Protein backbone atom coordinates (compact mmCIF):
# COMPACT_ATOMS: atom_id res chain seq x y z
CA UNK A 1 10.86 -7.22 0.88
CA UNK A 2 8.74 -7.29 -1.57
CA UNK A 3 6.86 -3.96 -1.32
CA UNK A 4 4.32 -3.06 -3.66
CA UNK A 5 2.12 0.25 -4.27
CA UNK A 6 -0.74 2.02 -5.98
CA UNK A 7 0.01 5.58 -5.95
CA UNK A 8 0.58 8.79 -8.49
CA UNK A 9 3.49 9.10 -8.70
CA UNK A 10 3.44 12.40 -9.06
CA UNK A 11 2.52 13.89 -6.52
CA UNK A 12 3.46 14.73 -3.09
CA UNK A 13 2.24 11.87 -1.01
CA UNK A 14 4.12 9.99 -2.88
CA UNK A 15 6.76 11.78 -2.97
CA UNK A 16 6.80 11.44 0.92
CA UNK A 17 5.56 8.74 1.32
CA UNK A 18 8.83 7.21 -1.10
CA UNK A 19 11.18 9.40 1.32
CA UNK A 20 9.58 7.56 4.42
CA UNK A 21 9.99 3.91 3.29
CA UNK A 22 13.30 4.98 1.25
CA UNK A 23 15.38 6.20 5.29
CA UNK A 24 13.67 3.12 6.61
CA UNK A 25 16.20 0.96 4.65
CA UNK A 26 14.62 -1.82 3.58
CA UNK A 27 16.63 -3.01 1.03
CA UNK A 28 14.88 -3.93 -1.97
CA UNK A 29 12.69 -0.71 -3.50
CA UNK A 30 9.50 -0.57 -3.96
CA UNK A 31 7.08 -1.43 -6.88
CA UNK A 32 5.53 1.49 -8.16
CA UNK A 33 1.94 1.46 -10.59
CA UNK A 34 0.26 4.57 -11.07
CA UNK A 35 -2.51 2.84 -13.83
CA UNK A 36 -5.41 1.12 -12.12
CA UNK A 37 -5.61 -1.48 -13.98
CA UNK A 38 -1.92 -2.94 -14.53
CA UNK A 39 -2.19 -2.93 -11.54
CA UNK A 40 -4.45 -5.26 -10.68
CA UNK A 41 -3.14 -6.91 -13.91
CA UNK A 42 -0.26 -7.49 -11.66
CA UNK A 43 -2.14 -9.84 -9.03
CA UNK A 44 -4.00 -11.70 -11.20
CA UNK A 45 -0.77 -13.40 -12.26
CA UNK A 46 0.09 -16.98 -9.42
CA UNK A 47 2.86 -16.03 -9.31
CA UNK A 48 2.67 -11.96 -8.39
CA UNK A 49 2.91 -12.69 -4.42
CA UNK A 50 4.15 -8.95 -2.76
CA UNK A 51 4.74 -8.70 0.83
CA UNK A 52 2.46 -5.76 1.14
CA UNK A 53 0.56 -3.82 -0.42
CA UNK A 54 0.05 0.45 -0.10
CA UNK A 55 -2.00 1.97 -2.55
CA UNK A 56 -2.44 6.11 -2.00
CA UNK A 57 -6.09 6.26 -4.26
CA UNK A 58 -6.06 10.32 -5.24
CA UNK A 59 -10.35 10.04 -4.86
CA UNK A 60 -13.04 8.45 -3.82
CA UNK A 61 -13.03 7.68 -7.69
CA UNK A 62 -10.15 5.98 -7.53
CA UNK A 63 -11.09 4.19 -4.24
CA UNK A 64 -14.30 2.99 -5.70
CA UNK A 65 -12.82 1.56 -8.57
CA UNK A 66 -9.69 -0.32 -6.20
CA UNK A 67 -12.71 -1.53 -4.37
CA UNK A 68 -14.50 -3.52 -6.79
CA UNK A 69 -11.75 -5.78 -7.44
CA UNK A 70 -10.37 -6.24 -3.75
CA UNK A 71 -10.10 -9.75 -3.62
CA UNK A 72 -7.34 -9.69 -6.12
CA UNK A 73 -6.20 -8.59 -2.72
CA UNK A 74 -7.48 -10.45 0.11
CA UNK A 75 -4.46 -12.18 1.05
CA UNK A 76 -2.09 -9.57 1.32
CA UNK A 77 -1.39 -7.82 4.31
CA UNK A 78 -2.13 -4.46 3.26
CA UNK A 79 -1.96 -0.40 3.99
CA UNK A 80 -4.09 1.81 2.96
CA UNK A 81 -3.36 5.49 2.43
CA UNK A 82 -7.10 7.56 1.44
CA UNK A 83 -7.00 10.82 0.19
CA UNK A 84 -10.14 12.30 2.83
CA UNK A 85 -10.76 12.09 6.67
CA UNK A 86 -15.01 11.73 5.38
CA UNK A 87 -16.34 9.12 6.48
CA UNK A 88 -17.97 7.16 3.91
CA UNK A 89 -14.59 7.40 2.55
CA UNK A 90 -12.70 5.65 5.89
CA UNK A 91 -15.75 2.89 5.36
CA UNK A 92 -14.67 2.45 2.48
CA UNK A 93 -10.72 1.72 2.96
CA UNK A 94 -12.26 -0.98 5.99
CA UNK A 95 -13.32 -2.47 3.08
CA UNK A 96 -9.69 -3.65 2.47
CA UNK A 97 -8.88 -5.99 5.49
CA UNK A 98 -6.04 -3.15 5.79
CA UNK A 99 -3.28 -3.65 8.23
CA UNK A 100 -3.53 -0.30 8.45
CA UNK A 101 -5.43 3.03 7.68
CA UNK A 102 -3.93 6.32 7.71
CA UNK A 103 -3.96 9.68 5.22
CA UNK A 104 -2.53 11.62 2.04
CA UNK A 105 -1.57 14.46 4.58
CA UNK A 106 0.49 12.58 6.60
CA UNK A 107 4.39 12.17 7.25
CA UNK A 108 4.43 8.58 6.74
CA UNK A 109 6.42 8.52 9.96
CA UNK A 110 3.50 5.22 11.12
CA UNK A 111 4.12 3.60 7.39
CA UNK A 112 7.87 3.25 8.04
CA UNK A 113 7.77 1.56 11.24
CA UNK A 114 5.31 -1.27 10.47
CA UNK A 115 7.17 -1.63 7.08
CA UNK A 116 10.31 -2.38 8.64
CA UNK A 117 8.80 -4.26 11.81
CA UNK A 118 7.25 -6.57 9.11
CA UNK A 119 10.06 -6.93 7.19
CA UNK A 120 12.54 -7.61 10.82
CA UNK A 121 8.75 -10.34 11.47
CA UNK A 122 9.88 -11.90 8.26
CA UNK A 123 13.41 -11.85 7.96
CA UNK A 124 12.62 -14.08 11.06
CA UNK A 125 10.22 -16.32 10.62
CA UNK A 126 12.58 -17.23 7.22
CA UNK A 127 15.99 -17.82 8.85
CA UNK A 128 13.76 -19.64 12.03
C-alpha cells in the first residue's frame, strides 16, 4: 500500500506515528514529506496517486496552508492528525472530508488499525 505522509519527521508525534505504522507491517514503507510545497507538488503530477494520505500539520498555520490546496487531495483516502483540539482547528480538519481525524497526542494505534483494514480491503479488491 502506498502511504504518503505530510509531517515534521523530527517530531515526537511523527515518531509515534511511524512506529505504529511500522508495527502494523503494511509492506512498503510510507513516503514522508516535511515541506508543504514539495508535498503539494507531488499531487500536481497526474501519475501520483497514493492509496492513503496522512496529514499531520504541527500548527494552525500549516493546517491553513494544507486547507488552501485541499482540492489536490479530494479523491484520496485521507487521515488528518490535528495539532490541537480547539473547535476551529477541528472544524478546519473536517474540510478535507477525511476518513478519520485524530490528534497528535494520541498513540496512533487507531491509525495503524485503519491502515491495516484498508490494506486488507485493497488486496481483496485486487485479488477478486
